[in-house]
């Protein structure tokens, strides 16, 4: 089963610390209308031993490789509507809705 939450706003944290101090280098919090984050995407050097934490009624954490940061921030800046899908299996997915070919974001 999946839970879909619409992303309305986001904030970005970039860590400035010695390697190994935190598990992540960059963290993006995802917000709906309430102003309380319902999800975050943490970018790390390695996904080994990193499991998504799925909590449909609270804060869910999605892990991604640091190389994916530019693609994710581009999607957040340019796509609307945007959704975070949370699956009972532990999967998490950031996606758009079906859009017409050639549509321009205004």
PDB file of N, CA and C in Angstrom:
ATOM      1  N   UNK A   1       0.845  -1.186   0.000  1.00  0.00           N
ATOM      2  CA  UNK A   1       0.000   0.000   0.000  1.00  0.00           C
ATOM      3  C   UNK A   1       0.885   1.242   0.000  1.00  0.00           C
ATOM      4  N   UNK A   2       0.393   2.315  -0.602  1.00  0.00           N
ATOM      5  CA  UNK A   2       1.170   3.547  -0.703  1.00  0.00           C
ATOM      6  C   UNK A   2       0.388   4.728  -0.152  1.00  0.00           C
ATOM      7  N   UNK A   3       1.122   5.667   0.402  1.00  0.00           N
ATOM      8  CA  UNK A   3       0.573   6.939   0.860  1.00  0.00           C
ATOM      9  C   UNK A   3       1.186   8.025  -0.011  1.00  0.00           C
ATOM     10  N   UNK A   4       0.359   8.937  -0.529  1.00  0.00           N
ATOM     11  CA  UNK A   4       0.843  10.038  -1.369  1.00  0.00           C
ATOM     12  C   UNK A   4       0.652  11.344  -0.622  1.00  0.00           C
ATOM     13  N   UNK A   5       1.727  12.140  -0.573  1.00  0.00           N
ATOM     14  CA  UNK A   5       1.660  13.454   0.070  1.00  0.00           C
ATOM     15  C   UNK A   5       2.175  14.501  -0.914  1.00  0.00           C
ATOM     16  N   UNK A   6       1.412  15.596  -1.055  1.00  0.00           N
ATOM     17  CA  UNK A   6       1.828  16.643  -1.985  1.00  0.00           C
ATOM     18  C   UNK A   6       2.864  17.551  -1.331  1.00  0.00           C
ATOM     19  N   UNK A   7       3.934  17.806  -2.071  1.00  0.00           N
ATOM     20  CA  UNK A   7       5.008  18.691  -1.610  1.00  0.00           C
ATOM     21  C   UNK A   7       4.647  20.113  -2.015  1.00  0.00           C
ATOM     22  N   UNK A   8       4.509  21.003  -1.023  1.00  0.00           N
ATOM     23  CA  UNK A   8       4.172  22.405  -1.282  1.00  0.00           C
ATOM     24  C   UNK A   8       5.376  23.330  -1.088  1.00  0.00           C
ATOM     25  N   UNK A   9       6.263  22.963  -0.156  1.00  0.00           N
ATOM     26  CA  UNK A   9       7.449  23.772   0.159  1.00  0.00           C
ATOM     27  C   UNK A   9       8.591  22.844   0.540  1.00  0.00           C
ATOM     28  N   UNK A  10       9.801  23.398   0.530  1.00  0.00           N
ATOM     29  CA  UNK A  10      10.957  22.631   0.963  1.00  0.00           C
ATOM     30  C   UNK A  10      12.002  23.555   1.566  1.00  0.00           C
ATOM     31  N   UNK A  11      12.854  22.996   2.392  1.00  0.00           N
ATOM     32  CA  UNK A  11      14.029  23.700   2.906  1.00  0.00           C
ATOM     33  C   UNK A  11      15.233  22.805   2.683  1.00  0.00           C
ATOM     34  N   UNK A  12      16.408  23.420   2.572  1.00  0.00           N
ATOM     35  CA  UNK A  12      17.644  22.683   2.313  1.00  0.00           C
ATOM     36  C   UNK A  12      18.651  22.983   3.416  1.00  0.00           C
ATOM     37  N   UNK A  13      19.247  21.912   3.944  1.00  0.00           N
ATOM     38  CA  UNK A  13      20.356  22.030   4.891  1.00  0.00           C
ATOM     39  C   UNK A  13      21.590  21.439   4.235  1.00  0.00           C
ATOM     40  N   UNK A  14      22.674  22.187   4.236  1.00  0.00           N
ATOM     41  CA  UNK A  14      23.948  21.680   3.741  1.00  0.00           C
ATOM     42  C   UNK A  14      24.885  21.588   4.926  1.00  0.00           C
ATOM     43  N   UNK A  15      25.410  20.402   5.166  1.00  0.00           N
ATOM     44  CA  UNK A  15      26.279  20.177   6.319  1.00  0.00           C
ATOM     45  C   UNK A  15      27.678  20.709   6.040  1.00  0.00           C
ATOM     46  N   UNK A  16      28.228  21.395   7.014  1.00  0.00           N
ATOM     47  CA  UNK A  16      29.600  21.889   6.940  1.00  0.00           C
ATOM     48  C   UNK A  16      30.346  21.319   8.139  1.00  0.00           C
ATOM     49  N   UNK A  17      30.811  20.112   7.980  1.00  0.00           N
ATOM     50  CA  UNK A  17      31.445  19.409   9.090  1.00  0.00           C
ATOM     51  C   UNK A  17      32.462  18.418   8.546  1.00  0.00           C
ATOM     52  N   UNK A  18      33.239  17.874   9.441  1.00  0.00           N
ATOM     53  CA  UNK A  18      34.197  16.852   9.060  1.00  0.00           C
ATOM     54  C   UNK A  18      33.467  15.606   8.599  1.00  0.00           C
ATOM     55  N   UNK A  19      34.033  14.928   7.633  1.00  0.00           N
ATOM     56  CA  UNK A  19      33.431  13.693   7.145  1.00  0.00           C
ATOM     57  C   UNK A  19      33.261  12.710   8.299  1.00  0.00           C
ATOM     58  N   UNK A  20      32.095  12.096   8.351  1.00  0.00           N
ATOM     59  CA  UNK A  20      31.824  11.131   9.400  1.00  0.00           C
ATOM     60  C   UNK A  20      31.080  11.710  10.590  1.00  0.00           C
ATOM     61  N   UNK A  21      30.970  13.034  10.673  1.00  0.00           N
ATOM     62  CA  UNK A  21      30.261  13.645  11.800  1.00  0.00           C
ATOM     63  C   UNK A  21      28.771  13.354  11.727  1.00  0.00           C
ATOM     64  N   UNK A  22      28.213  13.445  10.536  1.00  0.00           N
ATOM     65  CA  UNK A  22      26.802  13.153  10.297  1.00  0.00           C
ATOM     66  C   UNK A  22      26.699  12.047   9.278  1.00  0.00           C
ATOM     67  N   UNK A  23      25.517  11.476   9.133  1.00  0.00           N
ATOM     68  CA  UNK A  23      25.287  10.438   8.140  1.00  0.00           C
ATOM     69  C   UNK A  23      25.041  11.029   6.759  1.00  0.00           C
ATOM     70  N   UNK A  24      24.816  12.325   6.668  1.00  0.00           N
ATOM     71  CA  UNK A  24      24.432  12.936   5.402  1.00  0.00           C
ATOM     72  C   UNK A  24      25.217  14.230   5.169  1.00  0.00           C
ATOM     73  N   UNK A  25      25.282  14.614   3.877  1.00  0.00           N
ATOM     74  CA  UNK A  25      25.928  15.868   3.481  1.00  0.00           C
ATOM     75  C   UNK A  25      24.895  16.964   3.249  1.00  0.00           C
ATOM     76  N   UNK A  26      23.770  16.602   2.681  1.00  0.00           N
ATOM     77  CA  UNK A  26      22.692  17.552   2.393  1.00  0.00           C
ATOM     78  C   UNK A  26      21.365  16.905   2.761  1.00  0.00           C
ATOM     79  N   UNK A  27      20.457  17.713   3.301  1.00  0.00           N
ATOM     80  CA  UNK A  27      19.151  17.229   3.721  1.00  0.00           C
ATOM     81  C   UNK A  27      18.092  18.199   3.203  1.00  0.00           C
ATOM     82  N   UNK A  28      17.061  17.673   2.580  1.00  0.00           N
ATOM     83  CA  UNK A  28      15.940  18.488   2.102  1.00  0.00           C
ATOM     84  C   UNK A  28      14.694  18.071   2.872  1.00  0.00           C
ATOM     85  N   UNK A  29      14.075  19.022   3.581  1.00  0.00           N
ATOM     86  CA  UNK A  29      12.806  18.765   4.260  1.00  0.00           C
ATOM     87  C   UNK A  29      11.666  19.099   3.304  1.00  0.00           C
ATOM     88  N   UNK A  30      10.631  18.263   3.299  1.00  0.00           N
ATOM     89  CA  UNK A  30       9.459  18.432   2.447  1.00  0.00           C
ATOM     90  C   UNK A  30       8.251  18.771   3.308  1.00  0.00           C
ATOM     91  N   UNK A  31       7.480  19.781   2.888  1.00  0.00           N
ATOM     92  CA  UNK A  31       6.350  20.283   3.662  1.00  0.00           C
ATOM     93  C   UNK A  31       5.072  20.249   2.829  1.00  0.00           C
ATOM     94  N   UNK A  32       3.943  20.064   3.512  1.00  0.00           N
ATOM     95  CA  UNK A  32       2.629  20.224   2.910  1.00  0.00           C
ATOM     96  C   UNK A  32       2.085  21.577   3.298  1.00  0.00           C
ATOM     97  N   UNK A  33       0.783  21.686   3.445  1.00  0.00           N
ATOM     98  CA  UNK A  33       0.142  22.949   3.813  1.00  0.00           C
ATOM     99  C   UNK A  33       0.305  23.313   5.285  1.00  0.00           C
ATOM    100  N   UNK A  34       0.565  22.321   6.134  1.00  0.00           N
ATOM    101  CA  UNK A  34       0.574  22.560   7.583  1.00  0.00           C
ATOM    102  C   UNK A  34       1.808  23.316   8.082  1.00  0.00           C
ATOM    103  N   UNK A  35       2.865  23.354   7.306  1.00  0.00           N
ATOM    104  CA  UNK A  35       4.096  23.993   7.765  1.00  0.00           C
ATOM    105  C   UNK A  35       4.975  23.071   8.589  1.00  0.00           C
ATOM    106  N   UNK A  36       4.541  21.826   8.774  1.00  0.00           N
ATOM    107  CA  UNK A  36       5.323  20.824   9.496  1.00  0.00           C
ATOM    108  C   UNK A  36       5.865  19.843   8.467  1.00  0.00           C
ATOM    109  N   UNK A  37       7.172  19.547   8.502  1.00  0.00           N
ATOM    110  CA  UNK A  37       7.709  18.625   7.496  1.00  0.00           C
ATOM    111  C   UNK A  37       7.130  17.218   7.651  1.00  0.00           C
ATOM    112  N   UNK A  38       6.800  16.602   6.528  1.00  0.00           N
ATOM    113  CA  UNK A  38       6.312  15.222   6.544  1.00  0.00           C
ATOM    114  C   UNK A  38       7.350  14.266   5.976  1.00  0.00           C
ATOM    115  N   UNK A  39       8.387  14.812   5.376  1.00  0.00           N
ATOM    116  CA  UNK A  39       9.417  13.954   4.805  1.00  0.00           C
ATOM    117  C   UNK A  39      10.722  14.696   4.637  1.00  0.00           C
ATOM    118  N   UNK A  40      11.779  13.924   4.492  1.00  0.00           N
ATOM    119  CA  UNK A  40      13.056  14.521   4.135  1.00  0.00           C
ATOM    120  C   UNK A  40      13.822  13.568   3.243  1.00  0.00           C
ATOM    121  N   UNK A  41      14.692  14.162   2.435  1.00  0.00           N
ATOM    122  CA  UNK A  41      15.568  13.393   1.558  1.00  0.00           C
ATOM    123  C   UNK A  41      16.987  13.694   2.010  1.00  0.00           C
ATOM    124  N   UNK A  42      17.698  12.664   2.421  1.00  0.00           N
ATOM    125  CA  UNK A  42      19.076  12.815   2.884  1.00  0.00           C
ATOM    126  C   UNK A  42      20.014  12.261   1.826  1.00  0.00           C
ATOM    127  N   UNK A  43      21.020  13.065   1.494  1.00  0.00           N
ATOM    128  CA  UNK A  43      21.989  12.701   0.466  1.00  0.00           C
ATOM    129  C   UNK A  43      23.291  12.297   1.141  1.00  0.00           C
ATOM    130  N   UNK A  44      23.810  11.146   0.745  1.00  0.00           N
ATOM    131  CA  UNK A  44      24.981  10.583   1.387  1.00  0.00           C
ATOM    132  C   UNK A  44      25.933   9.987   0.355  1.00  0.00           C
ATOM    133  N   UNK A  45      27.173   9.745   0.782  1.00  0.00           N
ATOM    134  CA  UNK A  45      28.175   9.150  -0.107  1.00  0.00           C
ATOM    135  C   UNK A  45      27.851   7.706  -0.460  1.00  0.00           C
ATOM    136  N   UNK A  46      27.298   6.983   0.469  1.00  0.00           N
ATOM    137  CA  UNK A  46      27.003   5.577   0.244  1.00  0.00           C
ATOM    138  C   UNK A  46      25.632   5.218   0.810  1.00  0.00           C
ATOM    139  N   UNK A  47      24.935   4.372   0.099  1.00  0.00           N
ATOM    140  CA  UNK A  47      23.617   3.933   0.562  1.00  0.00           C
ATOM    141  C   UNK A  47      23.701   2.615   1.323  1.00  0.00           C
ATOM    142  N   UNK A  48      24.906   2.087   1.487  1.00  0.00           N
ATOM    143  CA  UNK A  48      25.087   0.854   2.240  1.00  0.00           C
ATOM    144  C   UNK A  48      24.559   1.035   3.652  1.00  0.00           C
ATOM    145  N   UNK A  49      23.737   0.113   4.085  1.00  0.00           N
ATOM    146  CA  UNK A  49      23.131   0.129   5.420  1.00  0.00           C
ATOM    147  C   UNK A  49      22.208   1.324   5.652  1.00  0.00           C
ATOM    148  N   UNK A  50      21.719   1.946   4.596  1.00  0.00           N
ATOM    149  CA  UNK A  50      20.761   3.037   4.720  1.00  0.00           C
ATOM    150  C   UNK A  50      19.406   2.524   4.278  1.00  0.00           C
ATOM    151  N   UNK A  51      18.431   2.601   5.144  1.00  0.00           N
ATOM    152  CA  UNK A  51      17.085   2.173   4.817  1.00  0.00           C
ATOM    153  C   UNK A  51      16.144   3.358   4.980  1.00  0.00           C
ATOM    154  N   UNK A  52      15.239   3.506   4.017  1.00  0.00           N
ATOM    155  CA  UNK A  52      14.220   4.542   4.143  1.00  0.00           C
ATOM    156  C   UNK A  52      13.392   4.261   5.388  1.00  0.00           C
ATOM    157  N   UNK A  53      13.060   5.317   6.129  1.00  0.00           N
ATOM    158  CA  UNK A  53      12.178   5.186   7.281  1.00  0.00           C
ATOM    159  C   UNK A  53      10.811   5.740   6.878  1.00  0.00           C
ATOM    160  N   UNK A  54       9.848   4.851   6.746  1.00  0.00           N
ATOM    161  CA  UNK A  54       8.517   5.225   6.275  1.00  0.00           C
ATOM    162  C   UNK A  54       7.586   5.387   7.469  1.00  0.00           C
ATOM    163  N   UNK A  55       7.010   6.584   7.591  1.00  0.00           N
ATOM    164  CA  UNK A  55       6.082   6.895   8.676  1.00  0.00           C
ATOM    165  C   UNK A  55       4.971   7.772   8.090  1.00  0.00           C
ATOM    166  N   UNK A  56       3.927   7.173   7.508  1.00  0.00           N
ATOM    167  CA  UNK A  56       2.877   7.955   6.838  1.00  0.00           C
ATOM    168  C   UNK A  56       2.203   9.002   7.717  1.00  0.00           C
ATOM    169  N   UNK A  57       2.204   8.830   9.044  1.00  0.00           N
ATOM    170  CA  UNK A  57       1.554   9.812   9.913  1.00  0.00           C
ATOM    171  C   UNK A  57       2.553  10.773  10.566  1.00  0.00           C
ATOM    172  N   UNK A  58       3.825  10.657  10.221  1.00  0.00           N
ATOM    173  CA  UNK A  58       4.837  11.535  10.807  1.00  0.00           C
ATOM    174  C   UNK A  58       5.906  11.878   9.779  1.00  0.00           C
ATOM    175  N   UNK A  59       7.157  11.912  10.213  1.00  0.00           N
ATOM    176  CA  UNK A  59       8.280  12.265   9.344  1.00  0.00           C
ATOM    177  C   UNK A  59       8.891  11.007   8.740  1.00  0.00           C
ATOM    178  N   UNK A  60       8.958  10.959   7.419  1.00  0.00           N
ATOM    179  CA  UNK A  60       9.594   9.857   6.707  1.00  0.00           C
ATOM    180  C   UNK A  60      10.925  10.329   6.148  1.00  0.00           C
ATOM    181  N   UNK A  61      11.899   9.424   6.096  1.00  0.00           N
ATOM    182  CA  UNK A  61      13.221   9.746   5.565  1.00  0.00           C
ATOM    183  C   UNK A  61      13.512   8.883   4.351  1.00  0.00           C
ATOM    184  N   UNK A  62      13.907   9.545   3.271  1.00  0.00           N
ATOM    185  CA  UNK A  62      14.285   8.892   2.025  1.00  0.00           C
ATOM    186  C   UNK A  62      15.774   9.150   1.820  1.00  0.00           C
ATOM    187  N   UNK A  63      16.558   8.096   1.574  1.00  0.00           N
ATOM    188  CA  UNK A  63      17.995   8.244   1.336  1.00  0.00           C
ATOM    189  C   UNK A  63      18.284   8.262  -0.156  1.00  0.00           C
ATOM    190  N   UNK A  64      19.246   9.084  -0.576  1.00  0.00           N
ATOM    191  CA  UNK A  64      19.632   9.170  -1.981  1.00  0.00           C
ATOM    192  C   UNK A  64      21.134   9.416  -2.069  1.00  0.00           C
ATOM    193  N   UNK A  65      21.754   9.008  -3.181  1.00  0.00           N
ATOM    194  CA  UNK A  65      23.182   9.280  -3.351  1.00  0.00           C
ATOM    195  C   UNK A  65      23.411  10.775  -3.565  1.00  0.00           C
ATOM    196  N   UNK A  66      24.532  11.274  -3.086  1.00  0.00           N
ATOM    197  CA  UNK A  66      24.833  12.698  -3.192  1.00  0.00           C
ATOM    198  C   UNK A  66      24.831  13.155  -4.656  1.00  0.00           C
ATOM    199  N   UNK A  67      25.137  12.250  -5.575  1.00  0.00           N
ATOM    200  CA  UNK A  67      25.141  12.589  -7.008  1.00  0.00           C
ATOM    201  C   UNK A  67      23.745  12.934  -7.526  1.00  0.00           C
ATOM    202  N   UNK A  68      22.701  12.540  -6.816  1.00  0.00           N
ATOM    203  CA  UNK A  68      21.325  12.810  -7.252  1.00  0.00           C
ATOM    204  C   UNK A  68      20.823  14.176  -6.800  1.00  0.00           C
ATOM    205  N   UNK A  69      21.583  14.888  -5.981  1.00  0.00           N
ATOM    206  CA  UNK A  69      21.113  16.152  -5.413  1.00  0.00           C
ATOM    207  C   UNK A  69      20.679  17.157  -6.494  1.00  0.00           C
ATOM    208  N   UNK A  70      21.516  17.384  -7.512  1.00  0.00           N
ATOM    209  CA  UNK A  70      21.179  18.385  -8.534  1.00  0.00           C
ATOM    210  C   UNK A  70      19.891  18.034  -9.264  1.00  0.00           C
ATOM    211  N   UNK A  71      19.655  16.756  -9.530  1.00  0.00           N
ATOM    212  CA  UNK A  71      18.420  16.347 -10.203  1.00  0.00           C
ATOM    213  C   UNK A  71      17.212  16.573  -9.303  1.00  0.00           C
ATOM    214  N   UNK A  72      17.341  16.251  -8.022  1.00  0.00           N
ATOM    215  CA  UNK A  72      16.226  16.414  -7.094  1.00  0.00           C
ATOM    216  C   UNK A  72      15.896  17.892  -6.897  1.00  0.00           C
ATOM    217  N   UNK A  73      16.906  18.731  -6.693  1.00  0.00           N
ATOM    218  CA  UNK A  73      16.636  20.162  -6.474  1.00  0.00           C
ATOM    219  C   UNK A  73      16.036  20.779  -7.736  1.00  0.00           C
ATOM    220  N   UNK A  74      16.424  20.303  -8.917  1.00  0.00           N
ATOM    221  CA  UNK A  74      15.832  20.784 -10.165  1.00  0.00           C
ATOM    222  C   UNK A  74      14.346  20.422 -10.235  1.00  0.00           C
ATOM    223  N   UNK A  75      14.005  19.212  -9.837  1.00  0.00           N
ATOM    224  CA  UNK A  75      12.594  18.799  -9.821  1.00  0.00           C
ATOM    225  C   UNK A  75      11.806  19.662  -8.834  1.00  0.00           C
ATOM    226  N   UNK A  76      12.368  19.899  -7.656  1.00  0.00           N
ATOM    227  CA  UNK A  76      11.664  20.714  -6.655  1.00  0.00           C
ATOM    228  C   UNK A  76      11.453  22.143  -7.146  1.00  0.00           C
ATOM    229  N   UNK A  77      12.406  22.692  -7.856  1.00  0.00           N
ATOM    230  CA  UNK A  77      12.305  24.074  -8.341  1.00  0.00           C
ATOM    231  C   UNK A  77      11.356  24.214  -9.518  1.00  0.00           C
ATOM    232  N   UNK A  78      11.246  23.173 -10.342  1.00  0.00           N
ATOM    233  CA  UNK A  78      10.591  23.343 -11.633  1.00  0.00           C
ATOM    234  C   UNK A  78       9.308  22.557 -11.857  1.00  0.00           C
ATOM    235  N   UNK A  79       8.993  21.614 -11.020  1.00  0.00           N
ATOM    236  CA  UNK A  79       7.812  20.791 -11.262  1.00  0.00           C
ATOM    237  C   UNK A  79       6.699  21.082 -10.268  1.00  0.00           C
ATOM    238  N   UNK A  80       5.474  20.995 -10.770  1.00  0.00           N
ATOM    239  CA  UNK A  80       4.305  21.212  -9.926  1.00  0.00           C
ATOM    240  C   UNK A  80       3.110  20.588 -10.614  1.00  0.00           C
ATOM    241  N   UNK A  81       2.287  19.812  -9.991  1.00  0.00           N
ATOM    242  CA  UNK A  81       2.393  19.364  -8.605  1.00  0.00           C
ATOM    243  C   UNK A  81       3.458  18.278  -8.449  1.00  0.00           C
ATOM    244  N   UNK A  82       3.910  18.124  -7.233  1.00  0.00           N
ATOM    245  CA  UNK A  82       4.965  17.179  -6.900  1.00  0.00           C
ATOM    246  C   UNK A  82       4.530  16.383  -5.681  1.00  0.00           C
ATOM    247  N   UNK A  83       4.801  15.093  -5.694  1.00  0.00           N
ATOM    248  CA  UNK A  83       4.325  14.205  -4.633  1.00  0.00           C
ATOM    249  C   UNK A  83       5.455  13.344  -4.082  1.00  0.00           C
ATOM    250  N   UNK A  84       5.355  13.038  -2.794  1.00  0.00           N
ATOM    251  CA  UNK A  84       6.189  12.024  -2.169  1.00  0.00           C
ATOM    252  C   UNK A  84       5.301  10.815  -1.933  1.00  0.00           C
ATOM    253  N   UNK A  85       5.696   9.688  -2.508  1.00  0.00           N
ATOM    254  CA  UNK A  85       4.989   8.421  -2.333  1.00  0.00           C
ATOM    255  C   UNK A  85       5.745   7.605  -1.300  1.00  0.00           C
ATOM    256  N   UNK A  86       5.021   7.086  -0.312  1.00  0.00           N
ATOM    257  CA  UNK A  86       5.605   6.270   0.754  1.00  0.00           C
ATOM    258  C   UNK A  86       4.963   4.888   0.695  1.00  0.00           C
ATOM    259  N   UNK A  87       5.781   3.877   0.562  1.00  0.00           N
ATOM    260  CA  UNK A  87       5.285   2.500   0.422  1.00  0.00           C
ATOM    261  C   UNK A  87       5.587   1.701   1.685  1.00  0.00           C
ATOM    262  N   UNK A  88       4.649   0.829   2.044  1.00  0.00           N
ATOM    263  CA  UNK A  88       4.830  -0.041   3.211  1.00  0.00           C
ATOM    264  C   UNK A  88       6.090  -0.898   3.093  1.00  0.00           C
ATOM    265  N   UNK A  89       6.524  -1.161   1.887  1.00  0.00           N
ATOM    266  CA  UNK A  89       7.702  -2.000   1.652  1.00  0.00           C
ATOM    267  C   UNK A  89       9.011  -1.278   2.002  1.00  0.00           C
ATOM    268  N   UNK A  90       8.932   0.025   2.294  1.00  0.00           N
ATOM    269  CA  UNK A  90      10.136   0.799   2.592  1.00  0.00           C
ATOM    270  C   UNK A  90      10.599   1.660   1.431  1.00  0.00           C
ATOM    271  N   UNK A  91       9.935   1.546   0.286  1.00  0.00           N
ATOM    272  CA  UNK A  91      10.274   2.391  -0.858  1.00  0.00           C
ATOM    273  C   UNK A  91       9.722   3.789  -0.659  1.00  0.00           C
ATOM    274  N   UNK A  92      10.404   4.752  -1.226  1.00  0.00           N
ATOM    275  CA  UNK A  92       9.920   6.133  -1.258  1.00  0.00           C
ATOM    276  C   UNK A  92      10.212   6.673  -2.649  1.00  0.00           C
ATOM    277  N   UNK A  93       9.341   7.530  -3.153  1.00  0.00           N
ATOM    278  CA  UNK A  93       9.457   8.009  -4.516  1.00  0.00           C
ATOM    279  C   UNK A  93       8.994   9.453  -4.594  1.00  0.00           C
ATOM    280  N   UNK A  94       9.776  10.299  -5.210  1.00  0.00           N
ATOM    281  CA  UNK A  94       9.397  11.682  -5.494  1.00  0.00           C
ATOM    282  C   UNK A  94       8.947  11.719  -6.939  1.00  0.00           C
ATOM    283  N   UNK A  95       7.710  12.202  -7.211  1.00  0.00           N
ATOM    284  CA  UNK A  95       7.214  12.155  -8.583  1.00  0.00           C
ATOM    285  C   UNK A  95       6.295  13.326  -8.898  1.00  0.00           C
ATOM    286  N   UNK A  96       6.156  13.563 -10.194  1.00  0.00           N
ATOM    287  CA  UNK A  96       5.197  14.536 -10.683  1.00  0.00           C
ATOM    288  C   UNK A  96       3.896  13.809 -11.003  1.00  0.00           C
ATOM    289  N   UNK A  97       2.888  14.562 -11.401  1.00  0.00           N
ATOM    290  CA  UNK A  97       1.672  13.952 -11.920  1.00  0.00           C
ATOM    291  C   UNK A  97       1.843  13.814 -13.435  1.00  0.00           C
ATOM    292  N   UNK A  98       0.878  13.191 -14.095  1.00  0.00           N
ATOM    293  CA  UNK A  98       0.925  13.081 -15.552  1.00  0.00           C
ATOM    294  C   UNK A  98       0.783  14.481 -16.143  1.00  0.00           C
ATOM    295  N   UNK A  99       1.718  14.833 -17.025  1.00  0.00           N
ATOM    296  CA  UNK A  99       1.710  16.172 -17.620  1.00  0.00           C
ATOM    297  C   UNK A  99       1.742  16.066 -19.134  1.00  0.00           C
ATOM    298  N   UNK A 100       1.138  17.024 -19.822  1.00  0.00           N
ATOM    299  CA  UNK A 100       1.175  17.008 -21.287  1.00  0.00           C
ATOM    300  C   UNK A 100       2.599  17.257 -21.795  1.00  0.00           C
ATOM    301  N   UNK A 101       2.932  16.634 -22.898  1.00  0.00           N
ATOM    302  CA  UNK A 101       4.233  16.837 -23.536  1.00  0.00           C
ATOM    303  C   UNK A 101       4.366  18.290 -23.944  1.00  0.00           C
ATOM    304  N   UNK A 102       5.522  18.904 -23.667  1.00  0.00           N
ATOM    305  CA  UNK A 102       5.776  20.283 -24.076  1.00  0.00           C
ATOM    306  C   UNK A 102       5.201  21.328 -23.152  1.00  0.00           C
ATOM    307  N   UNK A 103       4.591  20.908 -22.060  1.00  0.00           N
ATOM    308  CA  UNK A 103       4.022  21.878 -21.113  1.00  0.00           C
ATOM    309  C   UNK A 103       5.155  22.687 -20.492  1.00  0.00           C
ATOM    310  N   UNK A 104       4.959  23.971 -20.399  1.00  0.00           N
ATOM    311  CA  UNK A 104       5.943  24.830 -19.743  1.00  0.00           C
ATOM    312  C   UNK A 104       5.433  25.215 -18.371  1.00  0.00           C
ATOM    313  N   UNK A 105       6.323  25.209 -17.384  1.00  0.00           N
ATOM    314  CA  UNK A 105       5.967  25.661 -16.046  1.00  0.00           C
ATOM    315  C   UNK A 105       5.998  27.181 -16.055  1.00  0.00           C
ATOM    316  N   UNK A 106       4.994  27.800 -15.476  1.00  0.00           N
ATOM    317  CA  UNK A 106       4.968  29.260 -15.434  1.00  0.00           C
ATOM    318  C   UNK A 106       5.118  29.752 -14.015  1.00  0.00           C
TER     319      UNK A 106
END
